[in-house]
N, C-alpha and C. Protein backbone atom coordinates (compact mmCIF):
# COMPACT_ATOMS: atom_id res chain seq x y z
N MET A 1 -52.42 -42.52 27.88
CA MET A 1 -53.48 -43.11 28.67
C MET A 1 -53.20 -44.60 28.79
N GLY A 2 -53.33 -45.13 30.01
CA GLY A 2 -53.08 -46.54 30.26
C GLY A 2 -54.26 -47.40 29.81
N THR A 3 -54.00 -48.69 29.76
CA THR A 3 -55.03 -49.65 29.37
C THR A 3 -55.26 -50.62 30.51
N ILE A 4 -56.53 -50.89 30.80
CA ILE A 4 -56.91 -51.86 31.82
C ILE A 4 -57.81 -52.89 31.15
N SER A 5 -57.48 -54.13 31.37
CA SER A 5 -58.28 -55.21 30.83
C SER A 5 -58.69 -56.12 31.97
N THR A 6 -59.96 -56.53 31.98
CA THR A 6 -60.42 -57.40 33.06
C THR A 6 -61.56 -58.29 32.59
N ARG A 7 -61.68 -59.40 33.25
CA ARG A 7 -62.80 -60.30 33.00
C ARG A 7 -63.84 -60.03 34.09
N VAL A 8 -65.12 -60.04 33.70
CA VAL A 8 -66.19 -59.80 34.66
C VAL A 8 -67.25 -60.89 34.53
N PRO A 9 -67.96 -61.15 35.62
CA PRO A 9 -69.05 -62.13 35.55
C PRO A 9 -70.12 -61.68 34.55
N GLU A 10 -70.84 -62.63 34.00
CA GLU A 10 -71.86 -62.32 33.00
C GLU A 10 -72.91 -61.36 33.53
N GLU A 11 -73.28 -61.51 34.81
CA GLU A 11 -74.29 -60.63 35.40
C GLU A 11 -73.81 -59.17 35.39
N LEU A 12 -72.55 -58.98 35.71
CA LEU A 12 -71.98 -57.64 35.73
C LEU A 12 -71.91 -57.07 34.31
N GLU A 13 -71.57 -57.91 33.37
CA GLU A 13 -71.51 -57.46 31.98
C GLU A 13 -72.90 -57.07 31.50
N ALA A 14 -73.92 -57.80 31.90
CA ALA A 14 -75.30 -57.47 31.52
C ALA A 14 -75.70 -56.12 32.11
N GLU A 15 -75.31 -55.87 33.36
CA GLU A 15 -75.60 -54.57 33.97
C GLU A 15 -74.87 -53.45 33.24
N LEU A 16 -73.63 -53.71 32.85
CA LEU A 16 -72.87 -52.72 32.10
C LEU A 16 -73.56 -52.41 30.79
N GLU A 17 -74.04 -53.41 30.10
CA GLU A 17 -74.74 -53.20 28.83
C GLU A 17 -75.98 -52.33 29.04
N ALA A 18 -76.72 -52.58 30.12
CA ALA A 18 -77.90 -51.76 30.42
C ALA A 18 -77.48 -50.32 30.70
N TYR A 19 -76.38 -50.16 31.42
CA TYR A 19 -75.84 -48.82 31.71
C TYR A 19 -75.46 -48.11 30.42
N LEU A 20 -74.81 -48.82 29.51
CA LEU A 20 -74.41 -48.24 28.23
C LEU A 20 -75.62 -47.70 27.48
N GLU A 21 -76.67 -48.48 27.46
CA GLU A 21 -77.88 -48.06 26.75
C GLU A 21 -78.53 -46.86 27.43
N ASP A 22 -78.67 -46.93 28.76
CA ASP A 22 -79.31 -45.83 29.49
C ASP A 22 -78.54 -44.52 29.36
N GLU A 23 -77.22 -44.61 29.46
CA GLU A 23 -76.39 -43.41 29.44
C GLU A 23 -75.95 -43.00 28.04
N LYS A 24 -76.24 -43.85 27.08
CA LYS A 24 -75.86 -43.59 25.68
C LYS A 24 -74.35 -43.36 25.55
N LEU A 25 -73.59 -44.30 26.13
CA LEU A 25 -72.14 -44.21 26.12
C LEU A 25 -71.55 -45.44 25.44
N ASP A 26 -70.35 -45.27 24.90
CA ASP A 26 -69.63 -46.43 24.40
C ASP A 26 -69.00 -47.13 25.61
N ARG A 27 -68.58 -48.36 25.42
CA ARG A 27 -68.08 -49.18 26.51
C ARG A 27 -66.88 -48.54 27.23
N SER A 28 -65.91 -48.05 26.47
CA SER A 28 -64.71 -47.47 27.09
C SER A 28 -65.05 -46.25 27.94
N THR A 29 -65.88 -45.38 27.40
CA THR A 29 -66.26 -44.17 28.14
C THR A 29 -67.02 -44.54 29.40
N ALA A 30 -67.93 -45.50 29.29
CA ALA A 30 -68.73 -45.92 30.44
C ALA A 30 -67.85 -46.51 31.53
N VAL A 31 -66.91 -47.37 31.16
CA VAL A 31 -66.03 -47.99 32.16
C VAL A 31 -65.16 -46.93 32.82
N ARG A 32 -64.64 -45.98 32.04
CA ARG A 32 -63.83 -44.89 32.63
C ARG A 32 -64.67 -44.08 33.61
N LYS A 33 -65.92 -43.78 33.23
CA LYS A 33 -66.78 -42.98 34.09
C LYS A 33 -67.09 -43.72 35.39
N LEU A 34 -67.44 -44.99 35.29
CA LEU A 34 -67.74 -45.78 36.49
C LEU A 34 -66.52 -45.95 37.38
N LEU A 35 -65.37 -46.17 36.79
CA LEU A 35 -64.13 -46.31 37.56
C LEU A 35 -63.80 -45.00 38.26
N SER A 36 -63.95 -43.90 37.56
CA SER A 36 -63.67 -42.58 38.14
C SER A 36 -64.61 -42.30 39.32
N GLU A 37 -65.89 -42.59 39.13
CA GLU A 37 -66.86 -42.35 40.20
C GLU A 37 -66.59 -43.26 41.40
N GLY A 38 -66.23 -44.51 41.13
CA GLY A 38 -65.92 -45.43 42.22
C GLY A 38 -64.71 -45.00 43.01
N LEU A 39 -63.67 -44.55 42.32
CA LEU A 39 -62.47 -44.08 43.00
C LEU A 39 -62.73 -42.79 43.77
N GLU A 40 -63.58 -41.93 43.23
CA GLU A 40 -63.94 -40.70 43.93
C GLU A 40 -64.64 -41.05 45.25
N ASP A 41 -65.58 -41.97 45.21
CA ASP A 41 -66.25 -42.41 46.43
C ASP A 41 -65.26 -43.01 47.41
N TRP A 42 -64.34 -43.83 46.91
CA TRP A 42 -63.33 -44.47 47.76
C TRP A 42 -62.45 -43.42 48.44
N ARG A 43 -62.00 -42.41 47.67
CA ARG A 43 -61.16 -41.33 48.24
C ARG A 43 -61.90 -40.63 49.38
N ARG A 44 -63.17 -40.34 49.16
CA ARG A 44 -63.96 -39.65 50.17
C ARG A 44 -64.13 -40.49 51.43
N GLU A 45 -64.40 -41.77 51.25
CA GLU A 45 -64.54 -42.66 52.40
C GLU A 45 -63.23 -42.77 53.18
N GLN A 46 -62.12 -42.87 52.46
CA GLN A 46 -60.81 -42.95 53.11
C GLN A 46 -60.52 -41.67 53.89
N ALA A 47 -60.87 -40.53 53.33
CA ALA A 47 -60.64 -39.25 54.01
C ALA A 47 -61.51 -39.14 55.25
N LEU A 48 -62.79 -39.53 55.15
CA LEU A 48 -63.67 -39.50 56.32
C LEU A 48 -63.14 -40.41 57.43
N GLU A 49 -62.69 -41.58 57.06
CA GLU A 49 -62.16 -42.52 58.04
C GLU A 49 -60.89 -41.98 58.70
N ALA A 50 -60.01 -41.40 57.91
CA ALA A 50 -58.75 -40.88 58.44
C ALA A 50 -58.99 -39.72 59.41
N VAL A 51 -59.90 -38.84 59.08
CA VAL A 51 -60.17 -37.71 59.98
C VAL A 51 -60.91 -38.19 61.23
N ALA A 52 -61.81 -39.16 61.09
CA ALA A 52 -62.53 -39.70 62.25
C ALA A 52 -61.57 -40.41 63.21
N ASN A 53 -60.53 -41.02 62.67
CA ASN A 53 -59.54 -41.71 63.50
C ASN A 53 -58.48 -40.77 64.05
N GLY A 54 -58.56 -39.49 63.70
CA GLY A 54 -57.60 -38.51 64.19
C GLY A 54 -56.24 -38.60 63.52
N GLU A 55 -56.18 -39.27 62.36
CA GLU A 55 -54.91 -39.44 61.65
C GLU A 55 -54.48 -38.18 60.90
N ILE A 56 -55.47 -37.40 60.44
CA ILE A 56 -55.18 -36.18 59.68
C ILE A 56 -56.16 -35.10 60.10
N THR A 57 -55.83 -33.87 59.77
CA THR A 57 -56.72 -32.75 60.08
C THR A 57 -57.91 -32.77 59.13
N PHE A 58 -58.94 -32.04 59.51
CA PHE A 58 -60.13 -31.92 58.67
C PHE A 58 -59.77 -31.30 57.33
N HIS A 59 -58.95 -30.26 57.36
CA HIS A 59 -58.53 -29.59 56.13
C HIS A 59 -57.78 -30.55 55.22
N LYS A 60 -56.88 -31.33 55.79
CA LYS A 60 -56.11 -32.30 55.00
C LYS A 60 -57.04 -33.38 54.43
N ALA A 61 -58.04 -33.77 55.20
CA ALA A 61 -59.00 -34.77 54.72
C ALA A 61 -59.80 -34.22 53.54
N ALA A 62 -60.18 -32.96 53.60
CA ALA A 62 -60.90 -32.35 52.48
C ALA A 62 -60.02 -32.35 51.24
N GLU A 63 -58.75 -32.03 51.42
CA GLU A 63 -57.81 -32.07 50.28
C GLU A 63 -57.70 -33.49 49.72
N ARG A 64 -57.58 -34.47 50.62
CA ARG A 64 -57.45 -35.87 50.19
C ARG A 64 -58.70 -36.31 49.42
N ALA A 65 -59.86 -35.82 49.84
CA ALA A 65 -61.12 -36.16 49.18
C ALA A 65 -61.32 -35.34 47.91
N ASP A 66 -60.43 -34.38 47.67
CA ASP A 66 -60.52 -33.49 46.51
C ASP A 66 -61.82 -32.68 46.54
N MET A 67 -62.09 -32.13 47.73
CA MET A 67 -63.30 -31.34 47.95
C MET A 67 -62.94 -30.06 48.69
N SER A 68 -63.81 -29.06 48.59
CA SER A 68 -63.63 -27.87 49.42
C SER A 68 -63.94 -28.27 50.86
N VAL A 69 -63.44 -27.50 51.83
CA VAL A 69 -63.72 -27.84 53.22
C VAL A 69 -65.21 -27.77 53.51
N TRP A 70 -65.91 -26.87 52.84
CA TRP A 70 -67.35 -26.72 53.06
C TRP A 70 -68.12 -27.92 52.51
N ASP A 71 -67.75 -28.38 51.33
CA ASP A 71 -68.39 -29.57 50.76
C ASP A 71 -68.05 -30.81 51.57
N PHE A 72 -66.81 -30.87 52.05
CA PHE A 72 -66.42 -32.01 52.88
C PHE A 72 -67.17 -31.99 54.21
N ALA A 73 -67.38 -30.81 54.77
CA ALA A 73 -68.15 -30.69 56.01
C ALA A 73 -69.57 -31.19 55.79
N GLN A 74 -70.15 -30.85 54.65
CA GLN A 74 -71.50 -31.33 54.32
C GLN A 74 -71.51 -32.85 54.19
N LEU A 75 -70.50 -33.40 53.54
CA LEU A 75 -70.40 -34.86 53.40
C LEU A 75 -70.28 -35.52 54.78
N ALA A 76 -69.44 -34.97 55.65
CA ALA A 76 -69.27 -35.52 56.99
C ALA A 76 -70.59 -35.46 57.76
N LYS A 77 -71.31 -34.38 57.58
CA LYS A 77 -72.62 -34.24 58.24
C LYS A 77 -73.59 -35.29 57.71
N GLU A 78 -73.65 -35.44 56.39
CA GLU A 78 -74.55 -36.42 55.78
C GLU A 78 -74.23 -37.85 56.23
N ARG A 79 -72.95 -38.13 56.41
CA ARG A 79 -72.53 -39.49 56.81
C ARG A 79 -72.48 -39.63 58.33
N ASP A 80 -72.84 -38.54 59.04
CA ASP A 80 -72.81 -38.54 60.50
C ASP A 80 -71.44 -38.99 61.01
N SER A 81 -70.41 -38.42 60.40
CA SER A 81 -69.03 -38.78 60.71
C SER A 81 -68.42 -37.80 61.70
N THR A 82 -67.72 -38.33 62.67
CA THR A 82 -67.02 -37.49 63.65
C THR A 82 -65.80 -36.88 62.99
N TRP A 83 -65.64 -35.57 63.13
CA TRP A 83 -64.48 -34.94 62.51
C TRP A 83 -63.80 -33.90 63.40
N VAL A 84 -64.36 -33.64 64.55
CA VAL A 84 -63.74 -32.67 65.45
C VAL A 84 -62.78 -33.41 66.36
N ASP A 85 -61.53 -32.98 66.32
CA ASP A 85 -60.48 -33.60 67.13
C ASP A 85 -59.71 -32.48 67.78
N GLY A 86 -59.66 -32.49 69.09
CA GLY A 86 -58.99 -31.42 69.82
C GLY A 86 -57.54 -31.22 69.42
N ASP A 87 -56.88 -32.29 69.00
CA ASP A 87 -55.47 -32.19 68.61
C ASP A 87 -55.29 -31.42 67.30
N HIS A 88 -56.33 -31.38 66.48
CA HIS A 88 -56.19 -30.78 65.16
C HIS A 88 -56.99 -29.49 64.97
N VAL A 89 -57.75 -29.07 65.97
CA VAL A 89 -58.61 -27.91 65.82
C VAL A 89 -57.82 -26.66 65.41
N GLU A 90 -56.72 -26.39 66.09
CA GLU A 90 -55.93 -25.20 65.76
C GLU A 90 -55.39 -25.27 64.33
N ASP A 91 -54.90 -26.42 63.92
CA ASP A 91 -54.40 -26.57 62.55
C ASP A 91 -55.51 -26.34 61.53
N ASP A 92 -56.70 -26.88 61.82
CA ASP A 92 -57.82 -26.69 60.91
C ASP A 92 -58.24 -25.23 60.83
N LEU A 93 -58.27 -24.55 61.97
CA LEU A 93 -58.66 -23.13 61.97
C LEU A 93 -57.64 -22.29 61.21
N GLU A 94 -56.36 -22.60 61.36
CA GLU A 94 -55.33 -21.87 60.63
C GLU A 94 -55.45 -22.09 59.13
N ALA A 95 -55.80 -23.29 58.74
CA ALA A 95 -55.93 -23.62 57.32
C ALA A 95 -57.09 -22.90 56.67
N LEU A 96 -58.11 -22.56 57.46
CA LEU A 96 -59.26 -21.84 56.90
C LEU A 96 -58.88 -20.40 56.67
C-alpha cells in the first residue's frame, strides 16, 4: 500500500476531525474513504462527460465509471446528461 502525505488548511483539518468523530474512524481510514469516494465521483463525471461528447460508447462509459449499464443509465438520467449518440447506438446495443 502506498503512502500519501499532504498539508491541509486548518479549516479542512477541523472538518476532517469532525468527520472522524461522526464516522467513528481513525484518521488513515477516514482519509482513504474520502479519497476513494472522491475518485469514484470523479470517474463517474469523466465517464458522463466522455459519453456526452461522443468520445466513447455508453457501455464503455459505464465500464469507465465502474457501474452496471443500468446504474449508469440512472446516473445519466439523474444528472440530465445526454448519452444517446447515433454513431454509437449499434455498438451499445451489441454490448447489451
